[in-house]
C-alpha atoms as a PDB file:
ATOM      1  CA  MET A   1       0.000   0.000   0.000  1.00  0.00           C
ATOM      2  CA  GLY A   2       1.608   3.254  -1.095  1.00  0.00           C
ATOM      3  CA  THR A   3       1.008   6.550  -2.842  1.00  0.00           C
ATOM      4  CA  SER A   4       3.970   8.932  -3.036  1.00  0.00           C
ATOM      5  CA  GLU A   5       7.332   9.007  -4.830  1.00  0.00           C
ATOM      6  CA  PHE A   6       8.852   7.678  -1.604  1.00  0.00           C
ATOM      7  CA  ALA A   7       6.539   4.652  -1.807  1.00  0.00           C
ATOM      8  CA  ALA A   8       7.346   4.151  -5.497  1.00  0.00           C
ATOM      9  CA  SER A   9      11.060   3.998  -4.701  1.00  0.00           C
ATOM     10  CA  VAL A  10      10.534   1.420  -1.960  1.00  0.00           C
ATOM     11  CA  LEU A  11       8.321  -0.579  -4.337  1.00  0.00           C
ATOM     12  CA  ARG A  12      11.103  -0.755  -6.924  1.00  0.00           C
ATOM     13  CA  ARG A  13      13.493  -2.045  -4.250  1.00  0.00           C
ATOM     14  CA  LEU A  14      11.015  -4.777  -3.288  1.00  0.00           C
ATOM     15  CA  VAL A  15      10.600  -5.854  -6.898  1.00  0.00           C
ATOM     16  CA  ALA A  16      14.362  -6.375  -7.120  1.00  0.00           C
ATOM     17  CA  SER A  17      14.374  -8.523  -3.967  1.00  0.00           C
ATOM     18  CA  GLU A  18      13.161 -12.011  -3.126  1.00  0.00           C
ATOM     19  CA  HIS A  19       9.852 -10.485  -1.990  1.00  0.00           C
ATOM     20  CA  PRO A  20       8.225  -9.076  -5.158  1.00  0.00           C
ATOM     21  CA  PRO A  21       4.758  -7.647  -4.479  1.00  0.00           C
ATOM     22  CA  GLN A  22       1.752  -9.285  -6.142  1.00  0.00           C
ATOM     23  CA  LEU A  23      -0.546  -6.296  -5.706  1.00  0.00           C
ATOM     24  CA  VAL A  24      -0.223  -2.556  -5.142  1.00  0.00           C
ATOM     25  CA  ILE A  25      -3.060  -0.639  -3.509  1.00  0.00           C
ATOM     26  CA  SER A  26      -2.857   3.110  -3.996  1.00  0.00           C
ATOM     27  CA  ARG A  27      -5.130   6.128  -3.663  1.00  0.00           C
ATOM     28  CA  PRO A  28      -7.533   7.152  -6.454  1.00  0.00           C
ATOM     29  CA  ASP A  29      -6.331   9.389  -9.300  1.00  0.00           C
ATOM     30  CA  ARG A  30      -6.569  13.103  -8.521  1.00  0.00           C
ATOM     31  CA  PRO A  31      -6.461  16.357 -10.513  1.00  0.00           C
ATOM     32  CA  ARG A  32      -2.952  17.802 -10.581  1.00  0.00           C
ATOM     33  CA  GLY A  33      -1.046  20.622 -12.195  1.00  0.00           C
ATOM     34  CA  ARG A  34      -2.257  23.830 -13.773  1.00  0.00           C
ATOM     35  CA  GLY A  35      -4.506  21.908 -16.151  1.00  0.00           C
ATOM     36  CA  ARG A  36      -6.033  19.881 -13.269  1.00  0.00           C
ATOM     37  CA  LYS A  37      -5.618  16.684 -15.288  1.00  0.00           C
ATOM     38  CA  LEU A  38      -6.487  13.437 -13.502  1.00  0.00           C
ATOM     39  CA  THR A  39      -3.168  11.816 -12.604  1.00  0.00           C
ATOM     40  CA  ALA A  40      -2.332   8.490 -11.005  1.00  0.00           C
ATOM     41  CA  PRO A  41      -0.263   8.493  -7.788  1.00  0.00           C
ATOM     42  CA  PRO A  42       3.455   7.806  -8.319  1.00  0.00           C
ATOM     43  CA  ALA A  43       3.242   4.376  -6.661  1.00  0.00           C
ATOM     44  CA  ALA A  44       0.404   3.322  -8.983  1.00  0.00           C
ATOM     45  CA  GLU A  45       2.332   4.534 -12.039  1.00  0.00           C
ATOM     46  CA  ALA A  46       5.454   2.652 -10.914  1.00  0.00           C
ATOM     47  CA  ALA A  47       3.465  -0.537 -10.312  1.00  0.00           C
ATOM     48  CA  ARG A  48       1.989  -0.453 -13.816  1.00  0.00           C
ATOM     49  CA  GLU A  49       5.448   0.119 -15.316  1.00  0.00           C
ATOM     50  CA  LEU A  50       6.657  -2.922 -13.381  1.00  0.00           C
ATOM     51  CA  GLY A  51       3.749  -5.079 -14.480  1.00  0.00           C
ATOM     52  CA  ILE A  52       2.149  -5.350 -11.039  1.00  0.00           C
ATOM     53  CA  ARG A  53      -1.611  -5.416 -10.566  1.00  0.00           C
ATOM     54  CA  VAL A  54      -2.972  -2.136  -9.175  1.00  0.00           C
ATOM     55  CA  ALA A  55      -6.123  -1.393  -7.187  1.00  0.00           C
ATOM     56  CA  GLN A  56      -7.235   2.159  -6.354  1.00  0.00           C
ATOM     57  CA  PRO A  57     -10.310   1.830  -4.141  1.00  0.00           C
ATOM     58  CA  ALA A  58     -12.089   4.826  -2.674  1.00  0.00           C
ATOM     59  CA  SER A  59     -11.238   3.351   0.740  1.00  0.00           C
ATOM     60  CA  VAL A  60      -8.733   0.671   1.614  1.00  0.00           C
ATOM     61  CA  ASN A  61     -11.224  -0.631   4.174  1.00  0.00           C
ATOM     62  CA  ASP A  62     -14.070  -1.372   1.739  1.00  0.00           C
ATOM     63  CA  ASP A  63     -14.995  -4.770   0.331  1.00  0.00           C
ATOM     64  CA  GLU A  64     -13.239  -4.121  -2.996  1.00  0.00           C
ATOM     65  CA  ALA A  65      -9.873  -3.591  -1.298  1.00  0.00           C
ATOM     66  CA  ARG A  66     -10.251  -6.471   1.147  1.00  0.00           C
ATOM     67  CA  ASP A  67     -11.247  -8.846  -1.649  1.00  0.00           C
ATOM     68  CA  ALA A  68      -8.304  -7.743  -3.804  1.00  0.00           C
ATOM     69  CA  ILE A  69      -5.866  -8.425  -0.967  1.00  0.00           C
ATOM     70  CA  ALA A  70      -7.455 -11.759  -0.073  1.00  0.00           C
ATOM     71  CA  ALA A  71      -7.204 -12.894  -3.701  1.00  0.00           C
ATOM     72  CA  VAL A  72      -3.387 -12.782  -3.671  1.00  0.00           C
ATOM     73  CA  ARG A  73      -3.118 -14.448  -0.224  1.00  0.00           C
ATOM     74  CA  PRO A  74      -0.099 -12.360   0.884  1.00  0.00           C
ATOM     75  CA  GLU A  75       2.422 -13.433   3.481  1.00  0.00           C
ATOM     76  CA  ALA A  76       2.739  -9.762   4.450  1.00  0.00           C
ATOM     77  CA  VAL A  77       1.261  -6.373   3.612  1.00  0.00           C
ATOM     78  CA  CYS A  78       3.800  -3.556   3.350  1.00  0.00           C
ATOM     79  CA  VAL A  79       2.714   0.042   3.865  1.00  0.00           C
ATOM     80  CA  CYS A  80       4.742   3.093   2.846  1.00  0.00           C
ATOM     81  CA  ALA A  81       3.538   6.701   2.552  1.00  0.00           C
ATOM     82  CA  PHE A  82       0.007   5.501   1.832  1.00  0.00           C
ATOM     83  CA  GLY A  83      -1.967   8.353   3.370  1.00  0.00           C
ATOM     84  CA  GLY A  84      -5.097   6.388   4.222  1.00  0.00           C
ATOM     85  CA  LEU A  85      -6.382   5.143   7.571  1.00  0.00           C
ATOM     86  CA  ILE A  86      -6.269   1.344   7.813  1.00  0.00           C
ATOM     87  CA  GLN A  87      -8.927  -0.110  10.092  1.00  0.00           C
ATOM     88  CA  GLU A  88     -10.139  -3.456  11.416  1.00  0.00           C
ATOM     89  CA  PRO A  89     -10.702  -6.151  10.299  1.00  0.00           C
ATOM     90  CA  LEU A  90      -7.909  -5.480   7.808  1.00  0.00           C
ATOM     91  CA  LEU A  91      -5.392  -4.602  10.525  1.00  0.00           C
ATOM     92  CA  SER A  92      -5.604  -8.006  12.193  1.00  0.00           C
ATOM     93  CA  ALA A  93      -5.948 -10.104   9.054  1.00  0.00           C
ATOM     94  CA  TYR A  94      -2.306  -9.869   7.890  1.00  0.00           C
ATOM     95  CA  ARG A  95       1.219  -9.233   9.080  1.00  0.00           C
ATOM     96  CA  MET A  96       1.382  -5.542   8.227  1.00  0.00           C
ATOM     97  CA  LEU A  97       4.686  -3.617   8.155  1.00  0.00           C
ATOM     98  CA  ASN A  98       5.058   0.135   7.746  1.00  0.00           C
ATOM     99  CA  VAL A  99       8.108   1.970   6.401  1.00  0.00           C
ATOM    100  CA  HIS A 100       8.217   5.247   8.323  1.00  0.00           C
ATOM    101  CA  PRO A 101      10.912   7.885   7.568  1.00  0.00           C
ATOM    102  CA  SER A 102      11.880   8.852  11.110  1.00  0.00           C
ATOM    103  CA  LEU A 103      13.413   7.291  14.195  1.00  0.00           C
ATOM    104  CA  LEU A 104      10.225   6.508  16.070  1.00  0.00           C
ATOM    105  CA  PRO A 105       8.758   7.608  18.386  1.00  0.00           C
ATOM    106  CA  ARG A 106      10.062  10.976  17.140  1.00  0.00           C
ATOM    107  CA  TRP A 107       8.000  12.459  14.317  1.00  0.00           C
ATOM    108  CA  ARG A 108       5.021  10.190  14.052  1.00  0.00           C
ATOM    109  CA  GLY A 109       2.540  11.373  11.451  1.00  0.00           C
ATOM    110  CA  ALA A 110       2.216  12.811   7.966  1.00  0.00           C
ATOM    111  CA  ALA A 111       5.335  14.964   7.420  1.00  0.00           C
ATOM    112  CA  PRO A 112       8.282  13.479   9.339  1.00  0.00           C
ATOM    113  CA  ILE A 113      11.004  14.504   6.874  1.00  0.00           C
ATOM    114  CA  GLU A 114       9.830  18.095   6.634  1.00  0.00           C
ATOM    115  CA  ARG A 115       9.379  18.452  10.397  1.00  0.00           C
ATOM    116  CA  ALA A 116      12.806  17.013  11.163  1.00  0.00           C
ATOM    117  CA  ILE A 117      14.487  19.590   8.907  1.00  0.00           C
ATOM    118  CA  MET A 118      12.324  22.430  10.220  1.00  0.00           C
ATOM    119  CA  ALA A 119      13.192  21.550  13.817  1.00  0.00           C
ATOM    120  CA  GLY A 120      16.911  21.592  13.097  1.00  0.00           C
ATOM    121  CA  ASP A 121      17.366  17.906  13.958  1.00  0.00           C
ATOM    122  CA  GLU A 122      20.867  16.670  13.275  1.00  0.00           C
ATOM    123  CA  ARG A 123      19.708  13.107  12.666  1.00  0.00           C
ATOM    124  CA  THR A 124      16.675  11.204  11.428  1.00  0.00           C
ATOM    125  CA  GLY A 125      16.263   7.759   9.897  1.00  0.00           C
ATOM    126  CA  VAL A 126      13.796   5.029   8.961  1.00  0.00           C
ATOM    127  CA  SER A 127      11.786   2.694  11.181  1.00  0.00           C
ATOM    128  CA  ILE A 128      10.069  -0.549  10.194  1.00  0.00           C
ATOM    129  CA  MET A 129       7.085  -0.934  12.503  1.00  0.00           C
ATOM    130  CA  ARG A 130       3.950  -3.016  12.849  1.00  0.00           C
ATOM    131  CA  VAL A 131       0.828  -1.155  11.769  1.00  0.00           C
ATOM    132  CA  THR A 132      -1.662  -0.763  14.602  1.00  0.00           C
ATOM    133  CA  ALA A 133      -4.769   1.335  15.181  1.00  0.00           C
ATOM    134  CA  GLY A 134      -2.686   4.172  16.676  1.00  0.00           C
ATOM    135  CA  LEU A 135      -0.862   6.802  14.633  1.00  0.00           C
ATOM    136  CA  ASP A 136       2.579   5.267  13.911  1.00  0.00           C
ATOM    137  CA  SER A 137       2.573   3.914  17.459  1.00  0.00           C
ATOM    138  CA  GLY A 138       3.131   0.206  16.796  1.00  0.00           C
ATOM    139  CA  PRO A 139       6.196  -1.743  17.949  1.00  0.00           C
ATOM    140  CA  VAL A 140       9.388  -1.216  15.932  1.00  0.00           C
ATOM    141  CA  TYR A 141      11.214  -4.142  14.325  1.00  0.00           C
ATOM    142  CA  LEU A 142      14.128  -2.313  12.727  1.00  0.00           C
ATOM    143  CA  GLY A 143      15.489   1.225  12.654  1.00  0.00           C
ATOM    144  CA  HIS A 144      18.523   2.921  11.217  1.00  0.00           C
ATOM    145  CA  GLY A 145      19.711   6.502  11.535  1.00  0.00           C
ATOM    146  CA  GLU A 146      20.748   8.963   8.842  1.00  0.00           C
ATOM    147  CA  PRO A 147      22.445  12.340   9.457  1.00  0.00           C
ATOM    148  CA  ILE A 148      20.749  15.506   8.236  1.00  0.00           C
ATOM    149  CA  GLU A 149      23.454  17.525   6.503  1.00  0.00           C
ATOM    150  CA  PRO A 150      23.434  21.346   6.765  1.00  0.00           C
ATOM    151  CA  ALA A 151      22.697  21.674   3.032  1.00  0.00           C
ATOM    152  CA  ASP A 152      20.015  18.948   2.898  1.00  0.00           C
ATOM    153  CA  ASN A 153      16.604  19.820   1.573  1.00  0.00           C
ATOM    154  CA  TYR A 154      13.596  17.516   1.374  1.00  0.00           C
ATOM    155  CA  GLY A 155      14.681  16.193  -2.013  1.00  0.00           C
ATOM    156  CA  THR A 156      18.219  15.193  -1.054  1.00  0.00           C
ATOM    157  CA  LEU A 157      17.295  13.761   2.354  1.00  0.00           C
ATOM    158  CA  SER A 158      14.234  11.844   1.163  1.00  0.00           C
ATOM    159  CA  ALA A 159      16.277  10.225  -1.616  1.00  0.00           C
ATOM    160  CA  ARG A 160      18.651   8.734   0.960  1.00  0.00           C
ATOM    161  CA  LEU A 161      15.773   7.686   3.225  1.00  0.00           C
ATOM    162  CA  GLU A 162      13.976   6.003   0.313  1.00  0.00           C
ATOM    163  CA  HIS A 163      17.051   3.865  -0.338  1.00  0.00           C
ATOM    164  CA  LEU A 164      17.457   3.102   3.358  1.00  0.00           C
ATOM    165  CA  GLY A 165      13.740   2.314   3.759  1.00  0.00           C
ATOM    166  CA  GLY A 166      13.759  -0.163   0.887  1.00  0.00           C
ATOM    167  CA  ASP A 167      16.795  -1.979   2.254  1.00  0.00           C
ATOM    168  CA  LEU A 168      15.369  -2.126   5.785  1.00  0.00           C
ATOM    169  CA  LEU A 169      12.033  -3.463   4.538  1.00  0.00           C
ATOM    170  CA  VAL A 170      13.767  -6.243   2.620  1.00  0.00           C
ATOM    171  CA  ARG A 171      15.728  -7.127   5.760  1.00  0.00           C
ATOM    172  CA  ALA A 172      12.504  -7.229   7.758  1.00  0.00           C
ATOM    173  CA  LEU A 173      10.847  -9.524   5.235  1.00  0.00           C
ATOM    174  CA  ASP A 174      13.920 -11.792   5.254  1.00  0.00           C
ATOM    175  CA  GLY A 175      13.360 -12.353   8.959  1.00  0.00           C
ATOM    176  CA  LEU A 176      11.715 -10.182  11.581  1.00  0.00           C
ATOM    177  CA  PRO A 177      13.645  -9.543  14.799  1.00  0.00           C
ATOM    178  CA  PRO A 178      11.673  -9.223  18.054  1.00  0.00           C
ATOM    179  CA  PRO A 179       9.772  -5.901  18.100  1.00  0.00           C
ATOM    180  CA  THR A 180      10.413  -3.141  20.619  1.00  0.00           C
ATOM    181  CA  GLU A 181       7.544  -1.111  22.014  1.00  0.00           C
ATOM    182  CA  GLN A 182       7.848   2.643  21.554  1.00  0.00           C
ATOM    183  CA  ASP A 183       8.440   4.951  24.504  1.00  0.00           C
ATOM    184  CA  GLU A 184       5.284   7.056  24.547  1.00  0.00           C
ATOM    185  CA  SER A 185       6.942   9.714  26.695  1.00  0.00           C
ATOM    186  CA  GLN A 186       9.322  10.495  23.803  1.00  0.00           C
ATOM    187  CA  ALA A 187       6.695  10.736  21.068  1.00  0.00           C
ATOM    188  CA  THR A 188       6.462  13.831  18.862  1.00  0.00           C
ATOM    189  CA  TYR A 189       4.070  14.437  15.974  1.00  0.00           C
ATOM    190  CA  ALA A 190       4.774  15.587  12.432  1.00  0.00           C
ATOM    191  CA  GLU A 191       1.565  17.356  11.479  1.00  0.00           C
ATOM    192  CA  LYS A 192       0.604  17.751   7.826  1.00  0.00           C
ATOM    193  CA  ILE A 193       2.132  20.839   6.187  1.00  0.00           C
ATOM    194  CA  THR A 194      -0.366  23.710   6.054  1.00  0.00           C
ATOM    195  CA  ALA A 195      -0.454  26.985   4.134  1.00  0.00           C
ATOM    196  CA  GLU A 196       0.694  28.739   7.311  1.00  0.00           C
ATOM    197  CA  ASP A 197       3.713  26.418   7.566  1.00  0.00           C
ATOM    198  CA  ARG A 198       4.727  27.479   4.057  1.00  0.00           C
ATOM    199  CA  ARG A 199       4.671  31.201   4.839  1.00  0.00           C
ATOM    200  CA  LEU A 200       8.039  32.818   5.622  1.00  0.00           C
ATOM    201  CA  ASP A 201       7.245  34.942   8.660  1.00  0.00           C
ATOM    202  CA  PRO A 202       9.993  37.564   9.227  1.00  0.00           C
ATOM    203  CA  SER A 203       9.131  37.734  12.929  1.00  0.00           C
ATOM    204  CA  ARG A 204      11.041  34.448  13.171  1.00  0.00           C
ATOM    205  CA  THR A 205      14.815  34.066  12.908  1.00  0.00           C
ATOM    206  CA  ALA A 206      16.624  33.750   9.601  1.00  0.00           C
ATOM    207  CA  THR A 207      17.929  30.338  10.670  1.00  0.00           C
ATOM    208  CA  GLU A 208      14.398  29.056  11.240  1.00  0.00           C
ATOM    209  CA  LEU A 209      13.178  30.379   7.893  1.00  0.00           C
ATOM    210  CA  GLU A 210      16.128  28.905   6.011  1.00  0.00           C
ATOM    211  CA  ARG A 211      15.207  25.509   7.461  1.00  0.00           C
ATOM    212  CA  VAL A 212      11.596  25.980   6.301  1.00  0.00           C
ATOM    213  CA  VAL A 213      12.833  26.649   2.762  1.00  0.00           C
ATOM    214  CA  ARG A 214      14.961  23.492   2.754  1.00  0.00           C
ATOM    215  CA  ALA A 215      12.206  21.370   4.318  1.00  0.00           C
ATOM    216  CA  LEU A 216       9.705  22.306   1.593  1.00  0.00           C
ATOM    217  CA  THR A 217      12.009  22.142  -1.454  1.00  0.00           C
ATOM    218  CA  PRO A 218      11.354  20.963  -4.105  1.00  0.00           C
ATOM    219  CA  HIS A 219       7.939  19.387  -3.562  1.00  0.00           C
ATOM    220  CA  ILE A 220       5.782  21.962  -1.713  1.00  0.00           C
ATOM    221  CA  GLY A 221       7.652  25.246  -1.620  1.00  0.00           C
ATOM    222  CA  ALA A 222       8.005  27.995   0.954  1.00  0.00           C
ATOM    223  CA  GLN A 223       6.353  31.345   0.208  1.00  0.00           C
ATOM    224  CA  LEU A 224       6.966  34.980   1.056  1.00  0.00           C
ATOM    225  CA  GLN A 225       4.058  37.430   0.940  1.00  0.00           C
ATOM    226  CA  LEU A 226       5.105  40.608  -0.856  1.00  0.00           C
ATOM    227  CA  ASP A 227       3.817  44.113  -0.125  1.00  0.00           C
ATOM    228  CA  ASP A 228       1.235  43.869  -2.933  1.00  0.00           C
ATOM    229  CA  GLY A 229      -0.146  40.629  -1.482  1.00  0.00           C
ATOM    230  CA  ALA A 230       1.430  38.370  -4.112  1.00  0.00           C
ATOM    231  CA  LEU A 231       3.145  35.183  -2.950  1.00  0.00           C
ATOM    232  CA  LEU A 232       6.742  34.645  -4.009  1.00  0.00           C
ATOM    233  CA  GLY A 233       7.958  31.060  -3.850  1.00  0.00           C
ATOM    234  CA  VAL A 234      11.412  30.598  -2.318  1.00  0.00           C
ATOM    235  CA  ARG A 235      13.410  27.522  -3.337  1.00  0.00           C
ATOM    236  CA  GLU A 236      16.827  28.321  -1.871  1.00  0.00           C
ATOM    237  CA  ALA A 237      17.940  30.813   0.779  1.00  0.00           C
ATOM    238  CA  ARG A 238      21.023  31.740   2.756  1.00  0.00           C
ATOM    239  CA  VAL A 239      21.340  33.102   6.271  1.00  0.00           C
ATOM    240  CA  LEU A 240      23.123  36.471   6.622  1.00  0.00           C
ATOM    241  CA  PRO A 241      24.310  37.911   9.947  1.00  0.00           C
ATOM    242  CA  ASP A 242      22.476  41.183   9.358  1.00  0.00           C
ATOM    243  CA  GLY A 243      20.350  43.030   6.845  1.00  0.00           C
ATOM    244  CA  PRO A 244      17.311  45.280   6.677  1.00  0.00           C
ATOM    245  CA  ALA A 245      14.907  45.753   9.574  1.00  0.00           C
ATOM    246  CA  ALA A 246      12.720  42.801  10.507  1.00  0.00           C
ATOM    247  CA  GLY A 247       9.929  42.458   7.954  1.00  0.00           C
ATOM    248  CA  ALA A 248      11.589  44.639   5.313  1.00  0.00           C
ATOM    249  CA  LEU A 249      12.547  43.180   1.931  1.00  0.00           C
ATOM    250  CA  SER A 250      15.628  44.896   0.511  1.00  0.00           C
ATOM    251  CA  LEU A 251      15.726  45.015  -3.295  1.00  0.00           C
ATOM    252  CA  ASP A 252      18.774  47.251  -3.589  1.00  0.00           C
ATOM    253  CA  GLY A 253      21.550  44.692  -3.686  1.00  0.00           C
ATOM    254  CA  ARG A 254      22.516  41.792  -5.907  1.00  0.00           C
ATOM    255  CA  ARG A 255      19.809  39.538  -4.453  1.00  0.00           C
ATOM    256  CA  PRO A 256      16.651  40.241  -2.448  1.00  0.00           C
ATOM    257  CA  VAL A 257      17.227  40.116   1.311  1.00  0.00           C
ATOM    258  CA  LEU A 258      14.520  39.706   3.941  1.00  0.00           C
ATOM    259  CA  GLY A 259      15.076  41.190   7.376  1.00  0.00           C
ATOM    260  CA  CYS A 260      14.197  38.765  10.184  1.00  0.00           C
ATOM    261  CA  SER A 261      13.910  38.958  13.961  1.00  0.00           C
ATOM    262  CA  ASP A 262      17.509  37.765  14.128  1.00  0.00           C
ATOM    263  CA  GLY A 263      19.721  38.007  11.057  1.00  0.00           C
ATOM    264  CA  ALA A 264      18.517  38.190   7.473  1.00  0.00           C
ATOM    265  CA  LEU A 265      17.560  35.784   4.710  1.00  0.00           C
ATOM    266  CA  GLU A 266      19.048  36.125   1.247  1.00  0.00           C
ATOM    267  CA  LEU A 267      16.665  34.759  -1.398  1.00  0.00           C
ATOM    268  CA  VAL A 268      18.977  32.787  -3.676  1.00  0.00           C
ATOM    269  CA  VAL A 269      16.373  31.015  -5.867  1.00  0.00           C
ATOM    270  CA  VAL A 270      12.767  32.200  -6.133  1.00  0.00           C
ATOM    271  CA  HIS A 271       9.642  30.999  -7.939  1.00  0.00           C
ATOM    272  CA  PRO A 272       7.295  33.820  -8.974  1.00  0.00           C
ATOM    273  CA  ALA A 273       3.650  32.819  -9.445  1.00  0.00           C
ATOM    274  CA  GLY A 274       2.955  31.518 -12.946  1.00  0.00           C
ATOM    275  CA  ARG A 275       6.633  31.495 -13.929  1.00  0.00           C
ATOM    276  CA  ARG A 276       9.587  29.158 -13.713  1.00  0.00           C
ATOM    277  CA  PRO A 277      12.029  29.133 -10.791  1.00  0.00           C
ATOM    278  CA  MET A 278      14.859  31.639 -11.240  1.00  0.00           C
ATOM    279  CA  SER A 279      17.735  33.171  -9.358  1.00  0.00           C
ATOM    280  CA  GLY A 280      17.120  36.092  -7.040  1.00  0.00           C
ATOM    281  CA  GLU A 281      19.304  38.219  -9.315  1.00  0.00           C
ATOM    282  CA  GLU A 282      17.158  37.424 -12.350  1.00  0.00           C
ATOM    283  CA  TRP A 283      13.956  38.212 -10.478  1.00  0.00           C
ATOM    284  CA  LEU A 284      15.400  41.566  -9.352  1.00  0.00           C
ATOM    285  CA  ARG A 285      16.444  42.466 -12.891  1.00  0.00           C
ATOM    286  CA  GLY A 286      12.872  41.896 -14.005  1.00  0.00           C
ATOM    287  CA  LEU A 287      11.569  44.212 -11.278  1.00  0.00           C
ATOM    288  CA  ARG A 288      13.989  46.975 -12.240  1.00  0.00           C
ATOM    289  CA  ARG A 289      13.069  47.048 -15.932  1.00  0.00           C
END
């Protein structure tokens, strides 16, 4: 069961192992892009390319999904970045393993990679856990850490975690070690990214905002609200020791610089609405014409 690019990568690793999946369950097609064209989830597209049967039920808990799973009589059901709530009786019917990109119990929930970068964590990882009724609260079979480098954004870090997650899942399917219950007192939650999370608020420090930019690049994108109300996407930024007053956007230099509560944020790569990403210098030249 999977939906995202992360899930598609783990799927490809499984296909190359001694545990090739017989069925992929993904979410229904959804409108995407400027043309709002119906598009299959990445995991469904990857499965079809690999010649694996695909089911996209409205709910994984309905009769269609349960019958599709029962028909292949799986030894295990693997879950990765699926995005749907799995309920009984499905939960108890199969050995169900989840690939979660954090070192549980830290960052349970929908956006563990983004939240780890935003929080300034120096390390994250992947956990293989048993799926239970709780939110990522099941016992952990395997886990492995991965450092978060100072220059990592979502794209670079998730690529390493995808590779690690696939390898760990194959190890788990080769032979499960005894599970370890999670320490509930250490649990933190990675809430879904909201529009407010995307907004670069200059009342925060430049260091915090630079982490937001990295956490949301390239898949979601951080945004700065300009004086005219327009939203300017920010794809890459750099912390400066000082700059304009907090909240002011300086357009006088080589690149735009946003004053923050502590330090300043140089906008290295921006993404104006309706246009392609470009350097801060190029965007400034367009403003000055």
